[in-house]
Amino acid sequence: MRCLALLDSDETEAQILSMGDSDADTRHAGGRAAILLVDHGSRRAQANALLDRVVALVKLRLGPGSIVEPAHMEIADPTIGQGFTRCVQQGATTVIVHPFMLAPGRHVTEDLPDLIAKAAKAHDGVAYAMAAPLGSHVGVIDAVVDRCQAALPDDESMKD
């Protein structure tokens, strides 16, 4: 297990905050990457089901053979450990963990790195990295504008 990178939330300058014993530029050479999408987790099944739908859409976008799994930080299954294991069972040699969260708050900066490191310890030889949260990515901004436009009556517009 080795941590390749924890990425800063600044979209313009992703910085490697932590590295293991290998060169980050070679992390994909000859390996197979997986994506583990992690949300907070909820007691409400329909809230947790949203992550399953997002995972299915990401898999569809990436194409056949892609490894994309869901995990919940707490409250619901699959846990981060279970999701990480599912990625490895499908052949992943690198697991990219994406916090399906908006801001780099305490969960993203403290809790997730600890939970991911614990999950990775069970899988010798598997590298992992943590992507930045959704933040102010252009896709999030587009979604905000689209949702707000959709909330307006048909004869109104937010644009000049």
Protein backbone atom coordinates (compact mmCIF):
# COMPACT_ATOMS: atom_id res chain seq x y z
CA MET A 1 0.00 0.00 0.00
CA ARG A 2 1.23 3.45 -0.86
CA CYS A 3 -0.42 6.81 -0.97
CA LEU A 4 0.29 8.48 -4.27
CA ALA A 5 -1.38 11.81 -3.70
CA LEU A 6 -3.95 13.72 -1.80
CA LEU A 7 -5.05 16.48 -4.10
CA ASP A 8 -5.69 20.06 -3.05
CA SER A 9 -9.19 21.38 -3.72
CA ASP A 10 -7.89 24.29 -5.80
CA GLU A 11 -8.88 23.20 -9.31
CA THR A 12 -6.17 25.29 -10.94
CA GLU A 13 -3.32 23.85 -8.92
CA ALA A 14 -3.71 20.25 -7.75
CA GLN A 15 -0.81 19.74 -5.41
CA ILE A 16 0.60 16.49 -4.16
CA LEU A 17 0.29 16.77 -0.42
CA SER A 18 1.52 13.32 0.51
CA MET A 19 3.50 10.69 -1.35
CA GLY A 20 4.64 7.20 -0.64
CA ASP A 21 7.79 5.41 -1.71
CA SER A 22 7.31 5.63 -5.46
CA ASP A 23 7.39 8.23 -8.17
CA ALA A 24 3.85 9.57 -8.78
CA ASP A 25 4.52 9.81 -12.54
CA THR A 26 4.72 6.01 -12.81
CA ARG A 27 1.59 5.22 -10.81
CA HIS A 28 -0.43 4.05 -13.81
CA ALA A 29 2.33 2.20 -15.69
CA GLY A 30 1.16 -1.36 -16.19
CA GLY A 31 -1.59 -1.00 -13.60
CA ARG A 32 -5.34 -0.73 -13.54
CA ALA A 33 -7.01 2.22 -11.86
CA ALA A 34 -10.37 2.15 -10.10
CA ILE A 35 -12.59 4.94 -8.83
CA LEU A 36 -14.14 4.73 -5.39
CA LEU A 37 -16.85 7.39 -5.00
CA VAL A 38 -17.42 8.23 -1.35
CA ASP A 39 -20.29 10.20 0.14
CA HIS A 40 -21.19 10.81 3.77
CA GLY A 41 -23.82 8.10 4.05
CA SER A 42 -27.36 8.45 5.33
CA ARG A 43 -30.04 6.62 7.27
CA ARG A 44 -32.34 7.31 4.30
CA ALA A 45 -32.05 4.59 1.66
CA GLN A 46 -33.03 6.92 -1.17
CA ALA A 47 -30.21 9.30 -0.24
CA ASN A 48 -27.70 6.43 -0.42
CA ALA A 49 -29.23 5.23 -3.70
CA LEU A 50 -28.18 8.49 -5.34
CA LEU A 51 -24.53 7.44 -5.05
CA ASP A 52 -25.35 4.13 -6.75
CA ARG A 53 -26.92 6.05 -9.65
CA VAL A 54 -23.88 8.33 -9.93
CA VAL A 55 -21.56 5.29 -9.91
CA ALA A 56 -23.59 3.72 -12.73
CA LEU A 57 -23.38 6.92 -14.78
CA VAL A 58 -19.62 7.26 -14.23
CA LYS A 59 -19.15 3.61 -15.30
CA LEU A 60 -21.22 4.28 -18.41
CA ARG A 61 -19.12 7.36 -19.20
CA LEU A 62 -15.81 5.50 -18.70
CA GLY A 63 -16.89 2.46 -20.69
CA PRO A 64 -16.83 -1.29 -20.38
CA GLY A 65 -14.26 -2.74 -18.06
CA SER A 66 -14.05 0.35 -15.88
CA ILE A 67 -13.95 -0.17 -12.15
CA VAL A 68 -16.16 2.27 -10.26
CA GLU A 69 -17.56 1.47 -6.83
CA PRO A 70 -19.58 3.33 -4.19
CA ALA A 71 -18.78 3.74 -0.52
CA HIS A 72 -20.25 5.64 2.38
CA MET A 73 -18.05 7.31 4.97
CA GLU A 74 -20.38 6.28 7.78
CA ILE A 75 -23.90 5.11 8.64
CA ALA A 76 -24.47 2.87 5.58
CA ASP A 77 -22.86 0.07 3.61
CA PRO A 78 -20.75 -0.36 1.65
CA THR A 79 -18.10 1.17 3.85
CA ILE A 80 -14.87 2.62 2.48
CA GLY A 81 -13.11 -0.63 3.40
CA GLN A 82 -15.72 -2.71 1.60
CA GLY A 83 -15.65 -0.47 -1.48
CA PHE A 84 -11.85 -0.48 -1.60
CA THR A 85 -11.85 -4.29 -1.41
CA ARG A 86 -14.38 -4.51 -4.26
CA CYS A 87 -12.08 -2.40 -6.42
CA VAL A 88 -9.10 -4.64 -5.68
CA GLN A 89 -11.16 -7.81 -6.29
CA GLN A 90 -11.86 -6.50 -9.80
CA GLY A 91 -8.15 -6.08 -10.49
CA ALA A 92 -7.37 -2.53 -9.41
CA THR A 93 -3.75 -1.77 -8.66
CA THR A 94 -4.53 1.89 -7.93
CA VAL A 95 -7.69 3.17 -6.26
CA ILE A 96 -8.60 6.80 -6.83
CA VAL A 97 -10.94 7.86 -4.03
CA HIS A 98 -13.24 10.73 -4.92
CA PRO A 99 -15.11 12.46 -2.11
CA PHE A 100 -18.58 13.05 -3.58
CA MET A 101 -18.81 16.16 -1.42
CA LEU A 102 -18.70 19.86 -2.16
CA ALA A 103 -16.18 21.40 0.19
CA PRO A 104 -12.83 20.43 1.69
CA GLY A 105 -14.24 20.42 5.22
CA ARG A 106 -13.25 18.18 8.12
CA HIS A 107 -14.55 14.98 6.54
CA VAL A 108 -12.48 15.54 3.38
CA THR A 109 -9.33 16.85 5.04
CA GLU A 110 -9.20 14.67 8.16
CA ASP A 111 -11.69 11.79 8.31
CA LEU A 112 -11.45 10.45 4.76
CA PRO A 113 -7.65 10.33 4.54
CA ASP A 114 -7.59 8.28 7.77
CA LEU A 115 -10.39 5.93 6.66
CA ILE A 116 -8.81 5.44 3.23
CA ALA A 117 -5.38 4.69 4.72
CA LYS A 118 -6.96 2.08 7.02
CA ALA A 119 -8.76 0.46 4.08
CA ALA A 120 -5.60 0.42 1.98
CA LYS A 121 -3.55 -1.33 4.69
CA ALA A 122 -5.40 -4.56 3.92
CA HIS A 123 -4.16 -4.54 0.32
CA ASP A 124 -0.38 -4.74 -0.04
CA GLY A 125 0.88 -3.50 -3.38
CA VAL A 126 -2.22 -1.43 -4.13
CA ALA A 127 -1.66 2.31 -4.42
CA TYR A 128 -4.28 4.93 -3.71
CA ALA A 129 -4.87 8.61 -4.23
CA MET A 130 -7.59 10.96 -3.11
CA ALA A 131 -9.10 13.41 -5.60
CA ALA A 132 -10.33 16.86 -4.67
CA PRO A 133 -13.99 17.30 -3.69
CA LEU A 134 -16.43 18.73 -6.23
CA GLY A 135 -15.91 22.30 -5.05
CA SER A 136 -16.15 25.02 -7.68
CA HIS A 137 -15.51 22.75 -10.66
CA VAL A 138 -17.13 24.15 -13.81
CA GLY A 139 -19.50 21.16 -13.92
CA VAL A 140 -20.82 22.02 -10.46
CA ILE A 141 -21.32 25.64 -11.47
CA ASP A 142 -23.19 24.52 -14.61
CA ALA A 143 -25.40 22.26 -12.48
CA VAL A 144 -26.21 25.12 -10.06
CA VAL A 145 -27.24 27.39 -12.93
CA ASP A 146 -29.27 24.61 -14.62
CA ARG A 147 -31.12 23.71 -11.40
CA CYS A 148 -31.89 27.34 -10.60
CA GLN A 149 -33.12 27.98 -14.16
CA ALA A 150 -35.35 24.91 -13.91
CA ALA A 151 -36.90 26.25 -10.69
CA LEU A 152 -38.12 29.41 -12.44
CA PRO A 153 -41.50 29.65 -14.18
CA ASP A 154 -41.18 29.17 -17.94
CA ASP A 155 -41.62 32.87 -18.73
CA GLU A 156 -38.74 34.04 -16.52
CA SER A 157 -35.00 33.79 -17.04
CA MET A 158 -31.93 34.48 -14.94
CA LYS A 159 -30.00 35.67 -17.98
CA ASP A 160 -30.14 39.26 -19.24
